[in-house]
Amino acid sequence: AALLKPLGLQGIFALDLLGIATAVATLLLVPIPNPKPQA
């Protein structure tokens, strides 16, 4: 609500994209276990 007027809707979209990029980078950096499926 505070950023909508100064940044406009395009700025909110850009911040959303920045958040998604952060989430993707975190997934790539954190080791995630992937056990072998049972036969």
All heavy atoms as atom14 arrays in JSON, in Angstrom:
{
  "sequence": "AALLKPLGLQGIFALDLLGIATAVATLLLVPIPNPKPQA",
  "atom14_mask": [
    [1, 1, 1, 1, 1, 0, 0, 0, 0, 0, 0, 0, 0, 0],
    [1, 1, 1, 1, 1, 0, 0, 0, 0, 0, 0, 0, 0, 0],
    [1, 1, 1, 1, 1, 1, 1, 1, 0, 0, 0, 0, 0, 0],
    [1, 1, 1, 1, 1, 1, 1, 1, 0, 0, 0, 0, 0, 0],
    [1, 1, 1, 1, 1, 1, 1, 1, 1, 0, 0, 0, 0, 0],
    [1, 1, 1, 1, 1, 1, 1, 0, 0, 0, 0, 0, 0, 0],
    [1, 1, 1, 1, 1, 1, 1, 1, 0, 0, 0, 0, 0, 0],
    [1, 1, 1, 1, 0, 0, 0, 0, 0, 0, 0, 0, 0, 0],
    [1, 1, 1, 1, 1, 1, 1, 1, 0, 0, 0, 0, 0, 0],
    [1, 1, 1, 1, 1, 1, 1, 1, 1, 0, 0, 0, 0, 0],
    [1, 1, 1, 1, 0, 0, 0, 0, 0, 0, 0, 0, 0, 0],
    [1, 1, 1, 1, 1, 1, 1, 1, 0, 0, 0, 0, 0, 0],
    [1, 1, 1, 1, 1, 1, 1, 1, 1, 1, 1, 0, 0, 0],
    [1, 1, 1, 1, 1, 0, 0, 0, 0, 0, 0, 0, 0, 0],
    [1, 1, 1, 1, 1, 1, 1, 1, 0, 0, 0, 0, 0, 0],
    [1, 1, 1, 1, 1, 1, 1, 1, 0, 0, 0, 0, 0, 0],
    [1, 1, 1, 1, 1, 1, 1, 1, 0, 0, 0, 0, 0, 0],
    [1, 1, 1, 1, 1, 1, 1, 1, 0, 0, 0, 0, 0, 0],
    [1, 1, 1, 1, 0, 0, 0, 0, 0, 0, 0, 0, 0, 0],
    [1, 1, 1, 1, 1, 1, 1, 1, 0, 0, 0, 0, 0, 0],
    [1, 1, 1, 1, 1, 0, 0, 0, 0, 0, 0, 0, 0, 0],
    [1, 1, 1, 1, 1, 1, 1, 0, 0, 0, 0, 0, 0, 0],
    [1, 1, 1, 1, 1, 0, 0, 0, 0, 0, 0, 0, 0, 0],
    [1, 1, 1, 1, 1, 1, 1, 0, 0, 0, 0, 0, 0, 0],
    [1, 1, 1, 1, 1, 0, 0, 0, 0, 0, 0, 0, 0, 0],
    [1, 1, 1, 1, 1, 1, 1, 0, 0, 0, 0, 0, 0, 0],
    [1, 1, 1, 1, 1, 1, 1, 1, 0, 0, 0, 0, 0, 0],
    [1, 1, 1, 1, 1, 1, 1, 1, 0, 0, 0, 0, 0, 0],
    [1, 1, 1, 1, 1, 1, 1, 1, 0, 0, 0, 0, 0, 0],
    [1, 1, 1, 1, 1, 1, 1, 0, 0, 0, 0, 0, 0, 0],
    [1, 1, 1, 1, 1, 1, 1, 0, 0, 0, 0, 0, 0, 0],
    [1, 1, 1, 1, 1, 1, 1, 1, 0, 0, 0, 0, 0, 0],
    [1, 1, 1, 1, 1, 1, 1, 0, 0, 0, 0, 0, 0, 0],
    [1, 1, 1, 1, 1, 1, 1, 1, 0, 0, 0, 0, 0, 0],
    [1, 1, 1, 1, 1, 1, 1, 0, 0, 0, 0, 0, 0, 0],
    [1, 1, 1, 1, 1, 1, 1, 1, 1, 0, 0, 0, 0, 0],
    [1, 1, 1, 1, 1, 1, 1, 0, 0, 0, 0, 0, 0, 0],
    [1, 1, 1, 1, 1, 1, 1, 1, 1, 0, 0, 0, 0, 0],
    [1, 1, 1, 1, 1, 0, 0, 0, 0, 0, 0, 0, 0, 0]
  ],
  "atom14_positions": [
    [[0.83, -1.21, 0.0], [0.0, 0.0, 0.0], [0.86, 1.26, 0.0], [0.53, 2.26, -0.64], [-0.93, -0.01, 1.22], [0.0, 0.0, 0.0], [0.0, 0.0, 0.0], [0.0, 0.0, 0.0], [0.0, 0.0, 0.0], [0.0, 0.0, 0.0], [0.0, 0.0, 0.0], [0.0, 0.0, 0.0], [0.0, 0.0, 0.0], [0.0, 0.0, 0.0]],
    [[1.99, 1.21, 0.73], [2.87, 2.38, 0.81], [3.62, 2.61, -0.49], [3.92, 3.76, -0.85], [3.85, 2.21, 1.97], [0.0, 0.0, 0.0], [0.0, 0.0, 0.0], [0.0, 0.0, 0.0], [0.0, 0.0, 0.0], [0.0, 0.0, 0.0], [0.0, 0.0, 0.0], [0.0, 0.0, 0.0], [0.0, 0.0, 0.0], [0.0, 0.0, 0.0]],
    [[3.96, 1.52, -1.2], [4.79, 1.65, -2.41], [3.98, 1.79, -3.68], [4.54, 2.13, -4.73], [5.71, 0.42, -2.54], [6.77, 0.25, -1.46], [7.56, -1.04, -1.7], [7.72, 1.44, -1.43], [0.0, 0.0, 0.0], [0.0, 0.0, 0.0], [0.0, 0.0, 0.0], [0.0, 0.0, 0.0], [0.0, 0.0, 0.0], [0.0, 0.0, 0.0]],
    [[2.67, 1.53, -3.61], [1.87, 1.53, -4.84], [1.88, 2.9, -5.53], [2.05, 2.98, -6.75], [0.43, 1.12, -4.52], [-0.5, 0.97, -5.72], [0.06, -0.05, -6.69], [-1.89, 0.57, -5.27], [0.0, 0.0, 0.0], [0.0, 0.0, 0.0], [0.0, 0.0, 0.0], [0.0, 0.0, 0.0], [0.0, 0.0, 0.0], [0.0, 0.0, 0.0]],
    [[1.74, 3.97, -4.76], [1.71, 5.3, -5.38], [3.08, 5.74, -5.89], [3.18, 6.2, -7.04], [1.13, 6.31, -4.39], [-0.37, 6.14, -4.16], [-0.93, 7.23, -3.26], [-2.43, 7.05, -3.08], [-3.02, 8.09, -2.2], [0.0, 0.0, 0.0], [0.0, 0.0, 0.0], [0.0, 0.0, 0.0], [0.0, 0.0, 0.0], [0.0, 0.0, 0.0]],
    [[4.16, 5.64, -5.08], [5.45, 6.11, -5.61], [6.03, 5.22, -6.71], [6.69, 5.73, -7.63], [6.37, 6.1, -4.38], [5.73, 5.16, -3.43], [4.26, 5.27, -3.65], [0.0, 0.0, 0.0], [0.0, 0.0, 0.0], [0.0, 0.0, 0.0], [0.0, 0.0, 0.0], [0.0, 0.0, 0.0], [0.0, 0.0, 0.0], [0.0, 0.0, 0.0]],
    [[5.81, 3.9, -6.66], [6.41, 3.0, -7.64], [5.47, 2.65, -8.78], [5.93, 2.31, -9.87], [6.87, 1.7, -6.95], [7.97, 1.8, -5.91], [8.35, 0.42, -5.41], [9.2, 2.51, -6.48], [0.0, 0.0, 0.0], [0.0, 0.0, 0.0], [0.0, 0.0, 0.0], [0.0, 0.0, 0.0], [0.0, 0.0, 0.0], [0.0, 0.0, 0.0]],
    [[4.17, 2.72, -8.52], [3.21, 2.3, -9.53], [3.12, 0.78, -9.59], [3.9, 0.06, -8.98], [0.0, 0.0, 0.0], [0.0, 0.0, 0.0], [0.0, 0.0, 0.0], [0.0, 0.0, 0.0], [0.0, 0.0, 0.0], [0.0, 0.0, 0.0], [0.0, 0.0, 0.0], [0.0, 0.0, 0.0], [0.0, 0.0, 0.0], [0.0, 0.0, 0.0]],
    [[2.14, 0.3, -10.33], [1.93, -1.14, -10.42], [3.13, -1.84, -11.06], [3.47, -2.97, -10.69], [0.66, -1.43, -11.23], [0.1, -2.84, -11.15], [-0.14, -3.26, -9.72], [-1.17, -2.96, -11.97], [0.0, 0.0, 0.0], [0.0, 0.0, 0.0], [0.0, 0.0, 0.0], [0.0, 0.0, 0.0], [0.0, 0.0, 0.0], [0.0, 0.0, 0.0]],
    [[3.79, -1.18, -12.01], [4.95, -1.8, -12.63], [6.07, -2.01, -11.62], [6.82, -3.01, -11.7], [5.45, -0.98, -13.82], [6.01, 0.38, -13.48], [4.94, 1.46, -13.5], [3.76, 1.18, -13.33], [5.37, 2.7, -13.71], [0.0, 0.0, 0.0], [0.0, 0.0, 0.0], [0.0, 0.0, 0.0], [0.0, 0.0, 0.0], [0.0, 0.0, 0.0]],
    [[6.2, -1.1, -10.65], [7.22, -1.27, -9.61], [6.9, -2.44, -8.7], [7.81, -3.18, -8.28], [0.0, 0.0, 0.0], [0.0, 0.0, 0.0], [0.0, 0.0, 0.0], [0.0, 0.0, 0.0], [0.0, 0.0, 0.0], [0.0, 0.0, 0.0], [0.0, 0.0, 0.0], [0.0, 0.0, 0.0], [0.0, 0.0, 0.0], [0.0, 0.0, 0.0]],
    [[5.62, -2.63, -8.39], [5.21, -3.78, -7.57], [5.5, -5.08, -8.3], [5.99, -6.06, -7.72], [3.72, -3.69, -7.21], [3.43, -2.38, -6.45], [3.29, -4.89, -6.38], [4.15, -2.25, -5.14], [0.0, 0.0, 0.0], [0.0, 0.0, 0.0], [0.0, 0.0, 0.0], [0.0, 0.0, 0.0], [0.0, 0.0, 0.0], [0.0, 0.0, 0.0]],
    [[5.22, -5.12, -9.6], [5.54, -6.3, -10.41], [7.05, -6.58, -10.37], [7.49, -7.73, -10.26], [5.1, -6.1, -11.85], [3.65, -6.4, -12.11], [2.85, -5.51, -12.79], [3.09, -7.6, -11.67], [1.52, -5.79, -13.05], [1.76, -7.88, -11.91], [0.97, -6.98, -12.61], [0.0, 0.0, 0.0], [0.0, 0.0, 0.0], [0.0, 0.0, 0.0]],
    [[7.85, -5.51, -10.48], [9.31, -5.68, -10.48], [9.78, -6.24, -9.14], [10.68, -7.1, -9.11], [9.98, -4.34, -10.78], [0.0, 0.0, 0.0], [0.0, 0.0, 0.0], [0.0, 0.0, 0.0], [0.0, 0.0, 0.0], [0.0, 0.0, 0.0], [0.0, 0.0, 0.0], [0.0, 0.0, 0.0], [0.0, 0.0, 0.0], [0.0, 0.0, 0.0]],
    [[9.21, -5.77, -8.04], [9.57, -6.3, -6.73], [9.19, -7.78, -6.61], [9.92, -8.57, -6.0], [8.88, -5.48, -5.62], [9.43, -4.08, -5.38], [8.57, -3.37, -4.32], [10.88, -4.14, -4.92], [0.0, 0.0, 0.0], [0.0, 0.0, 0.0], [0.0, 0.0, 0.0], [0.0, 0.0, 0.0], [0.0, 0.0, 0.0], [0.0, 0.0, 0.0]],
    [[8.05, -8.15, -7.18], [7.63, -9.54, -7.18], [8.65, -10.4, -7.92], [9.03, -11.5, -7.47], [6.25, -9.66, -7.81], [5.63, -11.03, -7.58], [6.12, -11.76, -6.7], [4.65, -11.36, -8.27], [0.0, 0.0, 0.0], [0.0, 0.0, 0.0], [0.0, 0.0, 0.0], [0.0, 0.0, 0.0], [0.0, 0.0, 0.0], [0.0, 0.0, 0.0]],
    [[9.11, -9.92, -9.07], [10.11, -10.65, -9.83], [11.43, -10.77, -9.05], [12.11, -11.81, -9.11], [10.37, -9.96, -11.17], [9.23, -10.06, -12.19], [9.52, -9.16, -13.39], [9.06, -11.5, -12.66], [0.0, 0.0, 0.0], [0.0, 0.0, 0.0], [0.0, 0.0, 0.0], [0.0, 0.0, 0.0], [0.0, 0.0, 0.0], [0.0, 0.0, 0.0]],
    [[11.78, -9.73, -8.3], [12.99, -9.78, -7.47], [12.85, -10.85, -6.39], [13.8, -11.59, -6.1], [13.24, -8.41, -6.85], [14.46, -8.3, -5.93], [15.74, -8.59, -6.72], [14.54, -6.9, -5.31], [0.0, 0.0, 0.0], [0.0, 0.0, 0.0], [0.0, 0.0, 0.0], [0.0, 0.0, 0.0], [0.0, 0.0, 0.0], [0.0, 0.0, 0.0]],
    [[11.66, -10.94, -5.8], [11.43, -11.96, -4.79], [11.53, -13.36, -5.37], [12.08, -14.28, -4.73], [0.0, 0.0, 0.0], [0.0, 0.0, 0.0], [0.0, 0.0, 0.0], [0.0, 0.0, 0.0], [0.0, 0.0, 0.0], [0.0, 0.0, 0.0], [0.0, 0.0, 0.0], [0.0, 0.0, 0.0], [0.0, 0.0, 0.0], [0.0, 0.0, 0.0]],
    [[11.01, -13.56, -6.56], [11.08, -14.86, -7.21], [12.54, -15.22, -7.52], [12.96, -16.37, -7.34], [10.23, -14.87, -8.49], [8.74, -14.76, -8.13], [10.49, -16.12, -9.32], [7.83, -14.51, -9.3], [0.0, 0.0, 0.0], [0.0, 0.0, 0.0], [0.0, 0.0, 0.0], [0.0, 0.0, 0.0], [0.0, 0.0, 0.0], [0.0, 0.0, 0.0]],
    [[13.31, -14.24, -7.98], [14.72, -14.48, -8.27], [15.47, -14.89, -7.0], [16.34, -15.77, -7.01], [15.36, -13.23, -8.88], [0.0, 0.0, 0.0], [0.0, 0.0, 0.0], [0.0, 0.0, 0.0], [0.0, 0.0, 0.0], [0.0, 0.0, 0.0], [0.0, 0.0, 0.0], [0.0, 0.0, 0.0], [0.0, 0.0, 0.0], [0.0, 0.0, 0.0]],
    [[15.12, -14.28, -5.86], [15.74, -14.63, -4.58], [15.39, -16.06, -4.19], [16.24, -16.82, -3.71], [15.27, -13.67, -3.48], [15.58, -12.32, -3.87], [15.95, -13.97, -2.16], [0.0, 0.0, 0.0], [0.0, 0.0, 0.0], [0.0, 0.0, 0.0], [0.0, 0.0, 0.0], [0.0, 0.0, 0.0], [0.0, 0.0, 0.0], [0.0, 0.0, 0.0]],
    [[14.12, -16.45, -4.41], [13.7, -17.81, -4.09], [14.45, -18.83, -4.94], [14.89, -19.88, -4.45], [12.2, -17.95, -4.29], [0.0, 0.0, 0.0], [0.0, 0.0, 0.0], [0.0, 0.0, 0.0], [0.0, 0.0, 0.0], [0.0, 0.0, 0.0], [0.0, 0.0, 0.0], [0.0, 0.0, 0.0], [0.0, 0.0, 0.0], [0.0, 0.0, 0.0]],
    [[14.62, -18.54, -6.23], [15.33, -19.46, -7.12], [16.8, -19.58, -6.7], [17.36, -20.69, -6.66], [15.22, -18.97, -8.58], [16.16, -19.75, -9.5], [13.78, -19.1, -9.07], [0.0, 0.0, 0.0], [0.0, 0.0, 0.0], [0.0, 0.0, 0.0], [0.0, 0.0, 0.0], [0.0, 0.0, 0.0], [0.0, 0.0, 0.0], [0.0, 0.0, 0.0]],
    [[17.43, -18.44, -6.37], [18.83, -18.48, -5.95], [18.99, -19.28, -4.67], [19.96, -20.04, -4.51], [19.34, -17.04, -5.74], [0.0, 0.0, 0.0], [0.0, 0.0, 0.0], [0.0, 0.0, 0.0], [0.0, 0.0, 0.0], [0.0, 0.0, 0.0], [0.0, 0.0, 0.0], [0.0, 0.0, 0.0], [0.0, 0.0, 0.0], [0.0, 0.0, 0.0]],
    [[18.04, -19.15, -3.75], [18.1, -19.92, -2.5], [18.02, -21.41, -2.76], [18.77, -22.21, -2.18], [16.95, -19.5, -1.57], [17.03, -18.08, -1.33], [17.03, -20.22, -0.24], [0.0, 0.0, 0.0], [0.0, 0.0, 0.0], [0.0, 0.0, 0.0], [0.0, 0.0, 0.0], [0.0, 0.0, 0.0], [0.0, 0.0, 0.0], [0.0, 0.0, 0.0]],
    [[17.12, -21.82, -3.66], [16.99, -23.24, -3.99], [18.28, -23.79, -4.6], [18.66, -24.94, -4.35], [15.84, -23.46, -4.96], [14.43, -23.44, -4.37], [13.39, -23.49, -5.48], [14.23, -24.62, -3.42], [0.0, 0.0, 0.0], [0.0, 0.0, 0.0], [0.0, 0.0, 0.0], [0.0, 0.0, 0.0], [0.0, 0.0, 0.0], [0.0, 0.0, 0.0]],
    [[18.95, -22.98, -5.4], [20.17, -23.43, -6.05], [21.34, -23.53, -5.08], [22.27, -24.32, -5.28], [20.54, -22.48, -7.2], [19.57, -22.47, -8.39], [19.97, -21.39, -9.39], [19.54, -23.84, -9.08], [0.0, 0.0, 0.0], [0.0, 0.0, 0.0], [0.0, 0.0, 0.0], [0.0, 0.0, 0.0], [0.0, 0.0, 0.0], [0.0, 0.0, 0.0]],
    [[21.31, -22.75, -3.99], [22.41, -22.72, -3.04], [22.26, -23.74, -1.92], [23.25, -24.23, -1.37], [22.54, -21.32, -2.43], [23.0, -20.21, -3.39], [22.92, -18.85, -2.7], [24.41, -20.47, -3.89], [0.0, 0.0, 0.0], [0.0, 0.0, 0.0], [0.0, 0.0, 0.0], [0.0, 0.0, 0.0], [0.0, 0.0, 0.0], [0.0, 0.0, 0.0]],
    [[21.01, -24.07, -1.55], [20.76, -24.95, -0.41], [20.72, -26.41, -0.87], [20.0, -26.73, -1.82], [19.43, -24.58, 0.28], [19.11, -25.57, 1.39], [19.5, -23.17, 0.84], [0.0, 0.0, 0.0], [0.0, 0.0, 0.0], [0.0, 0.0, 0.0], [0.0, 0.0, 0.0], [0.0, 0.0, 0.0], [0.0, 0.0, 0.0], [0.0, 0.0, 0.0]],
    [[21.5, -27.3, -0.24], [21.44, -28.72, -0.63], [20.09, -29.32, -0.25], [19.65, -29.22, 0.89], [22.59, -29.35, 0.16], [22.82, -28.43, 1.31], [22.49, -27.05, 0.83], [0.0, 0.0, 0.0], [0.0, 0.0, 0.0], [0.0, 0.0, 0.0], [0.0, 0.0, 0.0], [0.0, 0.0, 0.0], [0.0, 0.0, 0.0], [0.0, 0.0, 0.0]],
    [[19.44, -29.95, -1.2], [18.12, -30.54, -0.98], [18.22, -32.04, -1.19], [18.6, -32.5, -2.27], [17.07, -29.93, -1.93], [16.91, -28.44, -1.63], [15.73, -30.65, -1.8], [15.97, -27.73, -2.56], [0.0, 0.0, 0.0], [0.0, 0.0, 0.0], [0.0, 0.0, 0.0], [0.0, 0.0, 0.0], [0.0, 0.0, 0.0], [0.0, 0.0, 0.0]],
    [[17.9, -32.84, -0.16], [18.01, -34.3, -0.31], [17.0, -34.83, -1.31], [15.9, -34.32, -1.44], [17.69, -34.81, 1.11], [16.86, -33.74, 1.73], [17.38, -32.44, 1.16], [0.0, 0.0, 0.0], [0.0, 0.0, 0.0], [0.0, 0.0, 0.0], [0.0, 0.0, 0.0], [0.0, 0.0, 0.0], [0.0, 0.0, 0.0], [0.0, 0.0, 0.0]],
    [[17.41, -35.87, -2.0], [16.53, -36.51, -2.97], [16.78, -38.02, -2.92], [17.53, -38.56, -3.73], [16.79, -35.97, -4.38], [15.73, -36.43, -5.36], [14.55, -36.25, -5.12], [16.17, -37.04, -6.45], [0.0, 0.0, 0.0], [0.0, 0.0, 0.0], [0.0, 0.0, 0.0], [0.0, 0.0, 0.0], [0.0, 0.0, 0.0], [0.0, 0.0, 0.0]],
    [[16.17, -38.69, -1.94], [16.44, -40.12, -1.77], [16.02, -40.92, -2.99], [15.1, -40.54, -3.71], [15.59, -40.49, -0.54], [14.54, -39.44, -0.47], [15.17, -38.2, -0.98], [0.0, 0.0, 0.0], [0.0, 0.0, 0.0], [0.0, 0.0, 0.0], [0.0, 0.0, 0.0], [0.0, 0.0, 0.0], [0.0, 0.0, 0.0], [0.0, 0.0, 0.0]],
    [[16.71, -42.04, -3.18], [16.38, -42.9, -4.31], [15.02, -43.54, -4.1], [14.7, -43.97, -2.98], [17.44, -43.99, -4.47], [18.81, -43.44, -4.84], [19.81, -44.57, -4.99], [21.19, -44.02, -5.37], [22.2, -45.11, -5.49], [0.0, 0.0, 0.0], [0.0, 0.0, 0.0], [0.0, 0.0, 0.0], [0.0, 0.0, 0.0], [0.0, 0.0, 0.0]],
    [[14.19, -43.58, -5.13], [12.88, -44.21, -4.96], [13.01, -45.7, -4.69], [13.94, -46.35, -5.17], [12.19, -43.96, -6.32], [13.32, -43.76, -7.27], [14.43, -43.11, -6.49], [0.0, 0.0, 0.0], [0.0, 0.0, 0.0], [0.0, 0.0, 0.0], [0.0, 0.0, 0.0], [0.0, 0.0, 0.0], [0.0, 0.0, 0.0], [0.0, 0.0, 0.0]],
    [[12.09, -46.22, -3.87], [12.1, -47.63, -3.56], [11.72, -48.44, -4.8], [10.92, -47.99, -5.62], [11.12, -47.94, -2.43], [11.48, -47.24, -1.12], [10.47, -47.52, -0.04], [9.45, -48.15, -0.26], [10.76, -47.05, 1.16], [0.0, 0.0, 0.0], [0.0, 0.0, 0.0], [0.0, 0.0, 0.0], [0.0, 0.0, 0.0], [0.0, 0.0, 0.0]],
    [[12.32, -49.62, -4.89], [12.02, -50.49, -6.03], [10.57, -50.94, -5.97], [10.1, -51.45, -4.95], [12.95, -51.7, -6.02], [0.0, 0.0, 0.0], [0.0, 0.0, 0.0], [0.0, 0.0, 0.0], [0.0, 0.0, 0.0], [0.0, 0.0, 0.0], [0.0, 0.0, 0.0], [0.0, 0.0, 0.0], [0.0, 0.0, 0.0], [0.0, 0.0, 0.0]]
  ]
}
